[in-house]
Amino acid sequence: MIIRQAVEVLKIEAEGILKLADRVDKNFAEMVERIYRSPGRLIISGIGKSGIVGRKIVATLNSTGTRSLFLHPSEAMHGDLGMVGPDDIFVALSNSGETEEITTLVPSIRKIGCTIIAFTGNIHSTLAKQSNIVIDVGVEREACPLGLAPTASTTALLAMGDALAVALINKKHFKTSDFKKIHPGGVLGHRLSSKVREIMLTGEYIPYIPETATMEQAVEEINRVGFGVTFVVNIDDMLVGIITDGDLRRLLGKHKYIFEIAVKDAMTKNPHQMDPDSPVYDALNMMEHYQITVLPITDDRGKVLGILHLHDILGKGEFKFNGI
C-alpha cells in the first residue's frame, strides 16, 4: 500500500510538470527577453510554500548569473519595498492568484514602475489581471489526497523556475568560467581554480601509439586505458594526431575492413591540446566549446606529458555541462 501510494504521488507530480510543456508559449519567451535586457534585478515574491519555492528559484538564478533577490510580501509593506527600483522586474508566485499579501503588494510595485510577471495556476485571477505577463503553472490536481497541501502545484512552480533559469543561462551564454567566478568554494570551485598538471593523468594512463602502428594496435590501446581515445605520436613522442571511438565508428560506416587502413589516414591531425600550466577552467571551456571529453596535455614543443579527462575535472557523475 505504501509503495503504491508513493508511486501515485510521483506520477501525479510528473504529469503536472509534463502538462506545463504544452503551455510554454510566447509569454515565456517575452519574459526571458525582458529579464535578459533588464538593467535591474529580478525580484521574486511569494508566501507560504510558494515563498519557499521562490527562495530556491532565486538561489538558482543567482548561481547562474541572473541577479535576483527574494522579497517577502509582508516585509515589503513594512519597509523592504525600498529595495525595489523601476528597472527591476517583479515575479509574483501564487497558485490561486488571490493570495492577499501578494495582490495587496502588486499595486505598490506597479507604482514603482516595475514590469510584473505572475506565476499562477489561475490565469483569470486578480494577480493575473494585475500583471504584464502571465505564466500558467496550473496543475489539474494536487498529490495530497485531501487536495489541500500544495504538492503537485509547488513542484510545477519549481520546475517552471528551473526552465526560466536554464533559458537565461543559454540566452546569456553563461560559461563554466563564469560559474567558477561565483562559486569559488566547494569541490568544483577548487578543481576549476587548479592547474591542469595537478589533475592530469600521466605514465601508463596515457593511451598512445606510434604513427607507424597498425589500426589493430590502435584499437587495443583504446581498449587498454578505457578513455575511448588513443594519441598518435612520432618518434620523438610529439603529438601528431588522435583516434577516438567516434573515428572508429565513422570508419566502419565507410570501410568494411578498417584494419587495412593506415593510422595516419584514420587519425585526426593537429588535435586540440592544452598546456599543463593552464587553469583547469580553460580546459573545461575548451572541452565544452568543441564538445570533447579528453584533452592531450603537451609541452610547448608538442611532446605528450599527460591526458585530461572530463571526469577528472568534474568528478564522475557529479556535474555535467550542456551536451555531455
Protein backbone atom coordinates (compact mmCIF):
# COMPACT_ATOMS: atom_id res chain seq x y z
CA MET A 1 0.00 0.00 0.00
CA ILE A 2 2.75 2.48 0.97
CA ILE A 3 4.75 1.80 -2.19
CA ARG A 4 1.67 2.15 -4.38
CA GLN A 5 0.79 5.47 -2.76
CA ALA A 6 4.33 6.80 -3.23
CA VAL A 7 4.32 5.80 -6.90
CA GLU A 8 0.96 7.51 -7.38
CA VAL A 9 2.29 10.75 -5.88
CA LEU A 10 5.28 10.71 -8.22
CA LYS A 11 3.05 10.05 -11.22
CA ILE A 12 0.70 12.92 -10.34
CA GLU A 13 3.57 15.35 -9.90
CA ALA A 14 5.30 14.18 -13.09
CA GLU A 15 2.08 14.59 -15.06
CA GLY A 16 1.69 18.10 -13.70
CA ILE A 17 5.14 19.08 -14.95
CA LEU A 18 4.70 17.41 -18.35
CA LYS A 19 1.46 19.28 -18.99
CA LEU A 20 3.26 22.58 -18.38
CA ALA A 21 5.31 21.91 -21.50
CA ASP A 22 2.21 22.39 -23.67
CA ARG A 23 1.63 25.83 -22.13
CA VAL A 24 5.10 27.29 -22.66
CA ASP A 25 4.34 29.96 -25.24
CA LYS A 26 5.20 33.48 -26.38
CA ASN A 27 4.60 34.75 -22.84
CA PHE A 28 7.52 32.67 -21.60
CA ALA A 29 9.73 33.90 -24.45
CA GLU A 30 8.77 37.52 -23.73
CA MET A 31 9.55 37.03 -20.04
CA VAL A 32 13.03 35.69 -20.79
CA GLU A 33 13.70 38.52 -23.24
CA ARG A 34 12.64 41.21 -20.75
CA ILE A 35 14.71 39.75 -17.93
CA TYR A 36 17.72 39.38 -20.23
CA ARG A 37 17.52 43.03 -21.33
CA SER A 38 16.69 44.46 -17.91
CA PRO A 39 19.45 46.56 -16.28
CA GLY A 40 17.88 45.87 -12.89
CA ARG A 41 17.38 42.79 -10.76
CA LEU A 42 14.78 40.06 -10.75
CA ILE A 43 12.61 40.38 -7.63
CA ILE A 44 10.69 37.23 -6.69
CA SER A 45 7.95 37.23 -4.08
CA GLY A 46 5.64 34.64 -2.60
CA ILE A 47 4.34 33.49 0.74
CA GLY A 48 4.00 30.10 2.41
CA LYS A 49 5.07 27.17 0.24
CA SER A 50 5.31 29.46 -2.80
CA GLY A 51 7.72 31.63 -0.83
CA ILE A 52 9.94 28.64 -0.09
CA VAL A 53 9.98 27.74 -3.79
CA GLY A 54 10.68 31.38 -4.61
CA ARG A 55 13.80 31.37 -2.44
CA LYS A 56 15.07 28.29 -4.26
CA ILE A 57 14.44 29.91 -7.66
CA VAL A 58 16.36 32.99 -6.51
CA ALA A 59 19.28 30.82 -5.39
CA THR A 60 19.40 29.07 -8.77
CA LEU A 61 19.23 32.33 -10.71
CA ASN A 62 21.97 33.98 -8.66
CA SER A 63 24.26 30.98 -9.07
CA THR A 64 23.83 31.06 -12.84
CA GLY A 65 24.40 34.74 -13.47
CA THR A 66 20.99 36.41 -13.08
CA ARG A 67 20.98 38.94 -10.22
CA SER A 68 17.94 38.15 -8.09
CA LEU A 69 16.53 38.62 -4.61
CA PHE A 70 13.58 37.30 -2.66
CA LEU A 71 11.12 39.85 -1.29
CA HIS A 72 8.74 38.72 1.44
CA PRO A 73 5.39 40.39 0.66
CA SER A 74 4.59 41.29 4.27
CA GLU A 75 8.05 42.69 4.96
CA ALA A 76 7.83 44.64 1.70
CA MET A 77 4.81 46.54 3.02
CA HIS A 78 6.78 47.48 6.13
CA GLY A 79 9.89 49.00 4.58
CA ASP A 80 11.57 46.37 2.39
CA LEU A 81 9.87 47.84 -0.67
CA GLY A 82 12.77 50.28 -0.62
CA MET A 83 14.91 47.51 -2.17
CA VAL A 84 12.86 47.66 -5.38
CA GLY A 85 13.69 50.03 -8.23
CA PRO A 86 11.95 50.92 -11.52
CA ASP A 87 14.45 48.91 -13.57
CA ASP A 88 13.71 45.73 -11.64
CA ILE A 89 11.34 43.00 -12.81
CA PHE A 90 8.91 41.64 -10.25
CA VAL A 91 7.78 38.00 -10.33
CA ALA A 92 4.84 37.11 -8.09
CA LEU A 93 4.25 33.46 -7.18
CA SER A 94 0.72 32.41 -6.25
CA ASN A 95 -1.07 29.25 -7.28
CA SER A 96 -4.51 30.70 -6.66
CA GLY A 97 -3.62 34.17 -7.86
CA GLU A 98 -5.71 35.51 -4.97
CA THR A 99 -3.12 35.48 -2.18
CA GLU A 100 -3.99 38.60 -0.22
CA GLU A 101 -0.42 39.56 0.68
CA ILE A 102 0.59 39.39 -2.99
CA THR A 103 -2.42 41.15 -4.51
CA THR A 104 -2.04 43.92 -1.92
CA LEU A 105 1.64 44.36 -2.76
CA VAL A 106 1.38 44.40 -6.55
CA PRO A 107 -0.21 47.88 -6.91
CA SER A 108 2.71 49.36 -4.95
CA ILE A 109 5.16 47.52 -7.21
CA ARG A 110 3.35 48.91 -10.24
CA LYS A 111 3.68 52.48 -8.88
CA ILE A 112 7.45 51.99 -8.71
CA GLY A 113 7.43 51.19 -12.42
CA CYS A 114 8.43 47.51 -12.46
CA THR A 115 7.35 45.00 -15.05
CA ILE A 116 5.13 42.49 -13.24
CA ILE A 117 5.13 38.79 -14.07
CA ALA A 118 2.72 36.31 -12.49
CA PHE A 119 3.46 32.63 -11.99
CA THR A 120 -0.03 31.38 -11.19
CA GLY A 121 -2.33 28.42 -11.59
CA ASN A 122 -5.31 30.72 -12.28
CA ILE A 123 -4.87 32.84 -15.40
CA HIS A 124 -8.16 34.66 -14.67
CA SER A 125 -7.20 35.64 -11.12
CA THR A 126 -6.73 39.07 -9.59
CA LEU A 127 -2.96 38.64 -9.79
CA ALA A 128 -3.10 37.67 -13.45
CA LYS A 129 -5.16 40.76 -14.28
CA GLN A 130 -2.64 42.97 -12.46
CA SER A 131 0.36 41.56 -14.34
CA ASN A 132 2.11 42.41 -17.61
CA ILE A 133 2.96 38.78 -18.32
CA VAL A 134 1.20 35.67 -17.03
CA ILE A 135 2.92 32.27 -16.85
CA ASP A 136 0.44 29.44 -16.37
CA VAL A 137 1.75 26.92 -13.81
CA GLY A 138 -1.59 25.32 -13.00
CA VAL A 139 -2.00 21.61 -12.33
CA GLU A 140 -5.17 19.53 -12.58
CA ARG A 141 -4.86 18.08 -9.09
CA GLU A 142 -2.63 18.01 -6.04
CA ALA A 143 -0.91 14.80 -4.95
CA CYS A 144 -2.28 15.40 -1.46
CA PRO A 145 -5.29 13.04 -1.08
CA LEU A 146 -7.20 15.85 0.62
CA GLY A 147 -6.40 18.25 -2.18
CA LEU A 148 -5.23 20.76 0.40
CA ALA A 149 -1.44 20.61 0.87
CA PRO A 150 0.48 22.21 -2.03
CA THR A 151 2.29 19.28 -3.65
CA ALA A 152 1.99 18.98 -7.43
CA SER A 153 1.44 22.74 -7.68
CA THR A 154 4.69 23.62 -5.89
CA THR A 155 6.58 21.03 -7.94
CA ALA A 156 5.25 22.62 -11.13
CA LEU A 157 6.18 26.07 -9.86
CA LEU A 158 9.71 24.92 -9.06
CA ALA A 159 10.08 23.28 -12.48
CA MET A 160 8.99 26.45 -14.28
CA GLY A 161 11.55 28.39 -12.25
CA ASP A 162 14.24 25.96 -13.41
CA ALA A 163 13.05 26.38 -17.00
CA LEU A 164 13.47 30.14 -16.62
CA ALA A 165 16.96 29.78 -15.15
CA VAL A 166 18.15 27.45 -17.92
CA ALA A 167 16.66 29.66 -20.64
CA LEU A 168 18.60 32.59 -19.20
CA ILE A 169 21.80 30.51 -19.00
CA ASN A 170 21.54 29.88 -22.73
CA LYS A 171 20.47 33.43 -23.54
CA LYS A 172 23.44 34.88 -21.66
CA HIS A 173 25.91 32.25 -22.93
CA PHE A 174 26.84 31.59 -19.31
CA LYS A 175 30.08 29.56 -19.29
CA THR A 176 31.90 27.32 -16.88
CA SER A 177 34.44 30.08 -16.28
CA ASP A 178 31.57 32.36 -15.22
CA PHE A 179 30.35 29.60 -12.90
CA LYS A 180 33.81 29.39 -11.35
CA LYS A 181 33.90 33.12 -10.62
CA ILE A 182 30.76 32.96 -8.49
CA HIS A 183 31.45 29.52 -6.98
CA PRO A 184 34.96 29.93 -5.56
CA GLY A 185 34.25 27.45 -2.79
CA GLY A 186 33.37 23.78 -2.88
CA VAL A 187 34.86 20.80 -4.70
CA LEU A 188 34.14 22.07 -8.21
CA GLY A 189 35.43 25.53 -7.43
CA HIS A 190 38.73 24.13 -6.15
CA ARG A 191 39.14 21.90 -9.21
CA LEU A 192 38.47 24.72 -11.64
CA SER A 193 40.99 27.01 -9.94
CA SER A 194 43.75 24.38 -10.14
CA LYS A 195 46.40 23.99 -12.82
CA VAL A 196 45.95 21.23 -15.39
CA ARG A 197 49.14 19.49 -14.23
CA GLU A 198 47.58 18.99 -10.78
CA ILE A 199 44.83 16.70 -12.03
CA MET A 200 46.06 15.29 -15.36
CA LEU A 201 46.97 11.61 -15.63
CA THR A 202 50.46 10.55 -16.65
CA GLY A 203 52.58 7.45 -17.27
CA GLU A 204 50.70 4.26 -18.07
CA TYR A 205 47.38 6.12 -18.09
CA ILE A 206 48.34 7.91 -21.32
CA PRO A 207 46.98 5.97 -24.31
CA TYR A 208 49.32 6.39 -27.27
CA ILE A 209 50.70 4.58 -30.31
CA PRO A 210 53.47 5.43 -32.76
CA GLU A 211 52.37 6.71 -36.14
CA THR A 212 53.80 3.51 -37.64
CA ALA A 213 51.38 1.32 -35.62
CA THR A 214 48.54 -0.67 -37.17
CA MET A 215 44.85 0.06 -36.68
CA GLU A 216 44.58 -3.17 -34.73
CA GLN A 217 47.15 -1.82 -32.27
CA ALA A 218 45.21 1.46 -32.11
CA VAL A 219 42.04 -0.38 -31.09
CA GLU A 220 43.96 -2.40 -28.49
CA GLU A 221 45.37 0.79 -26.96
CA ILE A 222 41.94 2.46 -26.86
CA ASN A 223 40.62 -0.59 -25.00
CA ARG A 224 43.62 -0.75 -22.66
CA VAL A 225 43.04 2.57 -20.91
CA GLY A 226 39.31 2.87 -21.48
CA PHE A 227 39.12 6.59 -22.27
CA GLY A 228 37.75 5.97 -25.76
CA VAL A 229 40.83 7.51 -27.37
CA THR A 230 44.47 6.99 -28.26
CA PHE A 231 47.06 9.62 -29.13
CA VAL A 232 49.34 9.16 -32.13
CA VAL A 233 52.94 10.26 -31.65
CA ASN A 234 56.06 10.43 -33.81
CA ILE A 235 59.49 9.02 -32.98
CA ASP A 236 60.18 11.95 -30.61
CA ASP A 237 56.87 11.47 -28.71
CA MET A 238 55.46 14.59 -30.33
CA LEU A 239 51.68 14.56 -30.78
CA VAL A 240 50.71 14.24 -34.44
CA GLY A 241 47.13 13.00 -34.20
CA ILE A 242 44.33 11.35 -32.24
CA ILE A 243 41.96 8.45 -32.87
CA THR A 244 38.68 8.21 -30.94
CA ASP A 245 35.81 5.77 -30.64
CA GLY A 246 33.85 8.16 -32.83
CA ASP A 247 36.52 7.98 -35.52
CA LEU A 248 36.28 4.19 -35.48
CA ARG A 249 32.50 4.28 -35.85
CA ARG A 250 32.75 6.66 -38.78
CA LEU A 251 35.39 4.49 -40.42
CA LEU A 252 33.20 1.40 -40.03
CA GLY A 253 30.45 3.24 -41.86
CA LYS A 254 32.72 3.80 -44.85
CA HIS A 255 35.12 0.84 -44.86
CA LYS A 256 34.43 -2.84 -44.34
CA TYR A 257 37.98 -3.66 -43.26
CA ILE A 258 39.24 -0.84 -41.06
CA PHE A 259 42.36 -2.80 -40.01
CA GLU A 260 43.66 -2.33 -43.56
CA ILE A 261 43.63 1.47 -43.14
CA ALA A 262 46.85 3.24 -42.18
CA VAL A 263 46.83 5.02 -38.82
CA LYS A 264 47.87 8.29 -40.46
CA ASP A 265 44.77 8.11 -42.68
CA ALA A 266 42.43 7.32 -39.77
CA MET A 267 43.66 9.85 -37.20
CA THR A 268 42.54 13.43 -36.72
CA LYS A 269 45.59 15.59 -37.29
CA ASN A 270 46.51 18.58 -35.11
CA PRO A 271 44.06 17.77 -32.29
CA HIS A 272 43.11 20.29 -29.62
CA GLN A 273 45.63 20.22 -26.77
CA MET A 274 46.41 22.08 -23.56
CA ASP A 275 49.47 23.30 -21.69
CA PRO A 276 49.97 21.74 -18.23
CA ASP A 277 50.20 25.15 -16.56
CA SER A 278 46.84 26.32 -17.95
CA PRO A 279 43.97 26.81 -15.49
CA VAL A 280 41.58 23.85 -15.37
CA TYR A 281 38.65 26.13 -16.20
CA ASP A 282 40.33 26.93 -19.56
CA ALA A 283 40.50 23.21 -20.30
CA LEU A 284 36.85 22.79 -19.36
CA ASN A 285 35.84 25.69 -21.58
CA MET A 286 37.74 24.12 -24.48
CA MET A 287 36.01 20.79 -23.90
CA GLU A 288 32.64 22.49 -23.76
CA HIS A 289 33.28 24.57 -26.89
CA TYR A 290 34.44 21.64 -29.03
CA GLN A 291 32.19 19.03 -27.34
CA ILE A 292 35.07 16.71 -26.45
CA THR A 293 35.77 14.80 -23.25
CA VAL A 294 39.53 14.19 -23.49
CA LEU A 295 42.48 16.56 -23.97
CA PRO A 296 46.12 15.67 -24.63
CA ILE A 297 48.44 17.71 -22.39
CA THR A 298 51.62 18.76 -24.18
CA ASP A 299 54.67 20.96 -23.66
CA ASP A 300 55.49 23.92 -25.91
CA ARG A 301 57.11 21.59 -28.45
CA GLY A 302 54.11 19.29 -28.65
CA LYS A 303 55.53 16.42 -26.59
CA VAL A 304 52.83 14.48 -24.79
CA LEU A 305 53.03 14.89 -21.00
CA GLY A 306 49.63 13.67 -19.87
CA ILE A 307 45.93 13.28 -20.53
CA LEU A 308 42.98 15.15 -19.04
CA HIS A 309 39.51 13.62 -18.96
CA LEU A 310 36.28 15.46 -18.26
CA HIS A 311 35.62 13.16 -15.29
CA ASP A 312 38.86 14.25 -13.67
CA ILE A 313 37.65 17.86 -13.75
CA LEU A 314 34.04 17.45 -12.75
CA GLY A 315 34.08 14.23 -10.81
CA LYS A 316 32.36 11.12 -12.11
CA GLY A 317 28.62 11.58 -12.08
CA GLU A 318 28.77 14.80 -10.05
CA PHE A 319 28.41 17.53 -12.65
CA LYS A 320 27.77 17.95 -16.33
CA PHE A 321 27.71 20.70 -18.90
CA ASN A 322 25.40 21.17 -21.89
CA GLY A 323 25.91 18.50 -24.46
CA ILE A 324 27.64 15.98 -22.23
